[in-house]
Amino acid sequence: MPYFTPSQIDNMCCDELRSLGLLPSSREPIRIERFIEKRFNVSPQYEDSPNGVLGFTRFGKNGVKAVVISASLDAEGGKVAGRRARTTIRS
């Protein structure tokens, strides 16, 4: 299993964001939904999920097929639910 230091992970993330023109020039939130759309050619979708499951990624033989977020996060509404959904997408 590969091991990456936090610094290596930060560099890889910045490289990917930069390659797609999504790396902000100053400190600001990353548009993670847009990154998923451009990098993997899928839009995050909301579906019912088992209790305790906030999200998951479906993979196929060619990579990412879908990024699924629990519909319960979307139904909650508000800033906290929005942050939880974005954090789930990042994970």
N, C-alpha and C. Protein backbone atom coordinates (compact mmCIF):
# COMPACT_ATOMS: atom_id res chain seq x y z
N MET A 1 0.84 -1.16 0.00
CA MET A 1 0.00 0.00 0.00
C MET A 1 0.90 1.24 0.00
N PRO A 2 0.66 2.18 -0.91
CA PRO A 2 1.51 3.37 -0.96
C PRO A 2 1.29 4.27 0.26
N TYR A 3 2.32 5.01 0.61
CA TYR A 3 2.24 5.96 1.71
C TYR A 3 2.67 7.33 1.18
N PHE A 4 1.86 8.35 1.47
CA PHE A 4 2.18 9.70 1.06
C PHE A 4 2.18 10.59 2.30
N THR A 5 3.13 11.50 2.35
CA THR A 5 3.17 12.46 3.45
C THR A 5 2.09 13.53 3.20
N PRO A 6 1.68 14.24 4.24
CA PRO A 6 0.70 15.32 4.04
C PRO A 6 1.17 16.33 2.99
N SER A 7 2.44 16.63 2.97
CA SER A 7 2.98 17.57 1.99
C SER A 7 2.84 17.03 0.56
N GLN A 8 3.12 15.74 0.38
CA GLN A 8 2.97 15.13 -0.95
C GLN A 8 1.50 15.16 -1.40
N ILE A 9 0.61 14.90 -0.46
CA ILE A 9 -0.82 14.92 -0.79
C ILE A 9 -1.24 16.33 -1.20
N ASP A 10 -0.80 17.34 -0.43
CA ASP A 10 -1.11 18.72 -0.78
C ASP A 10 -0.61 19.07 -2.17
N ASN A 11 0.63 18.67 -2.48
CA ASN A 11 1.20 18.95 -3.80
C ASN A 11 0.42 18.27 -4.92
N MET A 12 0.03 17.01 -4.71
CA MET A 12 -0.75 16.30 -5.74
C MET A 12 -2.09 16.98 -5.96
N CYS A 13 -2.74 17.39 -4.87
CA CYS A 13 -4.04 18.06 -4.99
C CYS A 13 -3.91 19.38 -5.74
N CYS A 14 -2.90 20.16 -5.38
CA CYS A 14 -2.68 21.44 -6.07
C CYS A 14 -2.38 21.22 -7.55
N ASP A 15 -1.57 20.21 -7.86
CA ASP A 15 -1.26 19.91 -9.26
C ASP A 15 -2.52 19.57 -10.05
N GLU A 16 -3.39 18.75 -9.47
CA GLU A 16 -4.64 18.37 -10.15
C GLU A 16 -5.55 19.58 -10.34
N LEU A 17 -5.72 20.38 -9.29
CA LEU A 17 -6.56 21.58 -9.40
C LEU A 17 -5.99 22.54 -10.44
N ARG A 18 -4.67 22.73 -10.44
CA ARG A 18 -4.02 23.62 -11.39
C ARG A 18 -4.23 23.12 -12.82
N SER A 19 -4.10 21.81 -13.03
CA SER A 19 -4.22 21.26 -14.38
C SER A 19 -5.62 21.48 -14.97
N LEU A 20 -6.62 21.65 -14.09
CA LEU A 20 -8.00 21.87 -14.55
C LEU A 20 -8.41 23.33 -14.47
N GLY A 21 -7.48 24.20 -14.10
CA GLY A 21 -7.78 25.62 -13.99
C GLY A 21 -8.67 25.96 -12.80
N LEU A 22 -8.63 25.14 -11.76
CA LEU A 22 -9.50 25.35 -10.61
C LEU A 22 -8.75 25.72 -9.33
N LEU A 23 -7.44 25.94 -9.41
CA LEU A 23 -6.68 26.32 -8.23
C LEU A 23 -6.83 27.82 -8.03
N PRO A 24 -7.45 28.25 -6.93
CA PRO A 24 -7.63 29.69 -6.69
C PRO A 24 -6.28 30.39 -6.51
N SER A 25 -6.23 31.66 -6.86
CA SER A 25 -4.99 32.43 -6.72
C SER A 25 -4.79 32.90 -5.28
N SER A 26 -5.85 32.90 -4.48
CA SER A 26 -5.74 33.24 -3.06
C SER A 26 -6.50 32.21 -2.25
N ARG A 27 -6.34 32.25 -0.93
CA ARG A 27 -7.01 31.27 -0.07
C ARG A 27 -8.52 31.48 -0.14
N GLU A 28 -9.21 30.47 -0.62
CA GLU A 28 -10.66 30.47 -0.69
C GLU A 28 -11.13 29.04 -0.84
N PRO A 29 -12.40 28.78 -0.59
CA PRO A 29 -12.89 27.40 -0.70
C PRO A 29 -12.71 26.85 -2.12
N ILE A 30 -12.41 25.57 -2.20
CA ILE A 30 -12.27 24.87 -3.49
C ILE A 30 -13.66 24.47 -3.95
N ARG A 31 -13.94 24.66 -5.22
CA ARG A 31 -15.22 24.24 -5.79
C ARG A 31 -15.13 22.74 -6.09
N ILE A 32 -15.29 21.94 -5.04
CA ILE A 32 -15.06 20.50 -5.14
C ILE A 32 -16.01 19.83 -6.13
N GLU A 33 -17.27 20.31 -6.20
CA GLU A 33 -18.22 19.73 -7.15
C GLU A 33 -17.74 19.92 -8.58
N ARG A 34 -17.21 21.11 -8.86
CA ARG A 34 -16.70 21.40 -10.21
C ARG A 34 -15.47 20.54 -10.52
N PHE A 35 -14.61 20.35 -9.53
CA PHE A 35 -13.45 19.49 -9.72
C PHE A 35 -13.88 18.08 -10.10
N ILE A 36 -14.83 17.52 -9.36
CA ILE A 36 -15.33 16.16 -9.66
C ILE A 36 -15.86 16.10 -11.09
N GLU A 37 -16.63 17.12 -11.49
CA GLU A 37 -17.20 17.14 -12.84
C GLU A 37 -16.11 17.18 -13.91
N LYS A 38 -15.12 18.04 -13.73
CA LYS A 38 -14.08 18.18 -14.75
C LYS A 38 -13.09 17.02 -14.74
N ARG A 39 -12.72 16.55 -13.56
CA ARG A 39 -11.69 15.51 -13.47
C ARG A 39 -12.21 14.12 -13.83
N PHE A 40 -13.44 13.80 -13.39
CA PHE A 40 -13.97 12.45 -13.57
C PHE A 40 -15.16 12.39 -14.52
N ASN A 41 -15.59 13.54 -15.01
CA ASN A 41 -16.70 13.60 -15.96
C ASN A 41 -18.01 13.03 -15.38
N VAL A 42 -18.22 13.26 -14.09
CA VAL A 42 -19.47 12.89 -13.43
C VAL A 42 -19.88 14.04 -12.51
N SER A 43 -21.15 14.20 -12.28
CA SER A 43 -21.65 15.17 -11.31
C SER A 43 -22.05 14.43 -10.05
N PRO A 44 -21.71 14.98 -8.88
CA PRO A 44 -22.18 14.34 -7.66
C PRO A 44 -23.70 14.22 -7.67
N GLN A 45 -24.20 13.09 -7.23
CA GLN A 45 -25.65 12.87 -7.22
C GLN A 45 -26.09 12.47 -5.82
N TYR A 46 -27.32 12.79 -5.51
CA TYR A 46 -27.88 12.48 -4.19
C TYR A 46 -28.82 11.31 -4.30
N GLU A 47 -28.63 10.33 -3.42
CA GLU A 47 -29.48 9.13 -3.38
C GLU A 47 -29.71 8.73 -1.93
N ASP A 48 -30.79 7.99 -1.70
CA ASP A 48 -31.01 7.40 -0.38
C ASP A 48 -29.88 6.41 -0.12
N SER A 49 -29.42 6.38 1.10
CA SER A 49 -28.34 5.46 1.46
C SER A 49 -28.63 4.86 2.83
N PRO A 50 -27.97 3.75 3.14
CA PRO A 50 -28.19 3.12 4.45
C PRO A 50 -27.84 4.08 5.59
N ASN A 51 -28.45 3.89 6.71
CA ASN A 51 -28.21 4.72 7.88
C ASN A 51 -26.71 4.73 8.21
N GLY A 52 -26.15 5.90 8.39
CA GLY A 52 -24.75 6.04 8.72
C GLY A 52 -23.82 6.19 7.52
N VAL A 53 -24.32 5.98 6.31
CA VAL A 53 -23.50 6.13 5.10
C VAL A 53 -23.76 7.53 4.53
N LEU A 54 -22.73 8.36 4.54
CA LEU A 54 -22.88 9.72 4.04
C LEU A 54 -22.60 9.84 2.55
N GLY A 55 -21.83 8.92 2.01
CA GLY A 55 -21.53 8.97 0.59
C GLY A 55 -20.57 7.86 0.20
N PHE A 56 -20.44 7.70 -1.11
CA PHE A 56 -19.52 6.69 -1.64
C PHE A 56 -19.26 6.96 -3.11
N THR A 57 -18.27 6.29 -3.65
CA THR A 57 -17.94 6.40 -5.07
C THR A 57 -18.16 5.05 -5.72
N ARG A 58 -18.86 5.06 -6.86
CA ARG A 58 -19.03 3.84 -7.65
C ARG A 58 -17.92 3.81 -8.70
N PHE A 59 -17.24 2.67 -8.77
CA PHE A 59 -16.17 2.50 -9.75
C PHE A 59 -16.57 1.46 -10.78
N GLY A 60 -16.12 1.66 -12.00
CA GLY A 60 -16.28 0.69 -13.06
C GLY A 60 -14.91 0.32 -13.58
N LYS A 61 -14.86 -0.45 -14.63
CA LYS A 61 -13.56 -0.89 -15.14
C LYS A 61 -12.72 0.26 -15.68
N ASN A 62 -13.36 1.39 -16.00
CA ASN A 62 -12.63 2.55 -16.52
C ASN A 62 -12.48 3.67 -15.50
N GLY A 63 -12.76 3.39 -14.23
CA GLY A 63 -12.59 4.41 -13.19
C GLY A 63 -13.91 4.81 -12.55
N VAL A 64 -14.00 6.07 -12.17
CA VAL A 64 -15.16 6.59 -11.44
C VAL A 64 -16.40 6.60 -12.33
N LYS A 65 -17.46 5.98 -11.84
CA LYS A 65 -18.75 5.99 -12.55
C LYS A 65 -19.72 6.97 -11.92
N ALA A 66 -19.64 7.15 -10.58
CA ALA A 66 -20.55 8.06 -9.89
C ALA A 66 -19.99 8.42 -8.53
N VAL A 67 -20.28 9.63 -8.10
CA VAL A 67 -20.01 10.08 -6.74
C VAL A 67 -21.38 10.32 -6.12
N VAL A 68 -21.70 9.53 -5.10
CA VAL A 68 -23.04 9.54 -4.51
C VAL A 68 -22.98 10.11 -3.10
N ILE A 69 -23.87 11.06 -2.82
CA ILE A 69 -23.99 11.68 -1.51
C ILE A 69 -25.35 11.31 -0.95
N SER A 70 -25.41 11.06 0.35
CA SER A 70 -26.67 10.69 0.99
C SER A 70 -27.71 11.80 0.81
N ALA A 71 -28.88 11.41 0.37
CA ALA A 71 -29.97 12.37 0.17
C ALA A 71 -30.35 13.05 1.49
N SER A 72 -30.08 12.39 2.61
CA SER A 72 -30.42 12.99 3.90
C SER A 72 -29.61 14.26 4.15
N LEU A 73 -28.39 14.34 3.64
CA LEU A 73 -27.60 15.57 3.78
C LEU A 73 -28.23 16.71 3.00
N ASP A 74 -28.72 16.42 1.82
CA ASP A 74 -29.36 17.43 0.99
C ASP A 74 -30.67 17.89 1.62
N ALA A 75 -31.40 16.96 2.23
CA ALA A 75 -32.70 17.28 2.82
C ALA A 75 -32.56 18.16 4.06
N GLU A 76 -31.44 18.03 4.78
CA GLU A 76 -31.23 18.84 5.98
C GLU A 76 -31.18 20.32 5.66
N GLY A 77 -30.56 20.68 4.55
CA GLY A 77 -30.42 22.08 4.19
C GLY A 77 -29.52 22.82 5.17
N GLY A 78 -29.24 24.07 4.90
CA GLY A 78 -28.44 24.90 5.79
C GLY A 78 -26.95 24.79 5.55
N LYS A 79 -26.21 25.67 6.22
CA LYS A 79 -24.76 25.74 6.04
C LYS A 79 -24.04 24.49 6.52
N VAL A 80 -24.45 23.97 7.68
CA VAL A 80 -23.78 22.80 8.23
C VAL A 80 -23.94 21.60 7.31
N ALA A 81 -25.15 21.37 6.82
CA ALA A 81 -25.38 20.25 5.90
C ALA A 81 -24.59 20.44 4.62
N GLY A 82 -24.49 21.67 4.13
CA GLY A 82 -23.70 21.94 2.93
C GLY A 82 -22.24 21.61 3.13
N ARG A 83 -21.70 21.99 4.30
CA ARG A 83 -20.30 21.66 4.60
C ARG A 83 -20.11 20.16 4.72
N ARG A 84 -21.07 19.49 5.35
CA ARG A 84 -20.96 18.02 5.49
C ARG A 84 -20.99 17.35 4.13
N ALA A 85 -21.83 17.84 3.22
CA ALA A 85 -21.90 17.26 1.86
C ALA A 85 -20.58 17.48 1.13
N ARG A 86 -20.01 18.70 1.19
CA ARG A 86 -18.74 18.97 0.51
C ARG A 86 -17.61 18.13 1.12
N THR A 87 -17.61 17.97 2.43
CA THR A 87 -16.59 17.16 3.08
C THR A 87 -16.73 15.70 2.66
N THR A 88 -17.95 15.22 2.53
CA THR A 88 -18.19 13.84 2.09
C THR A 88 -17.70 13.66 0.66
N ILE A 89 -17.92 14.64 -0.20
CA ILE A 89 -17.44 14.55 -1.58
C ILE A 89 -15.92 14.46 -1.61
N ARG A 90 -15.26 15.22 -0.77
CA ARG A 90 -13.79 15.23 -0.74
C ARG A 90 -13.22 13.92 -0.25
N SER A 91 -13.92 13.24 0.60
CA SER A 91 -13.36 12.07 1.26
C SER A 91 -13.17 10.89 0.39
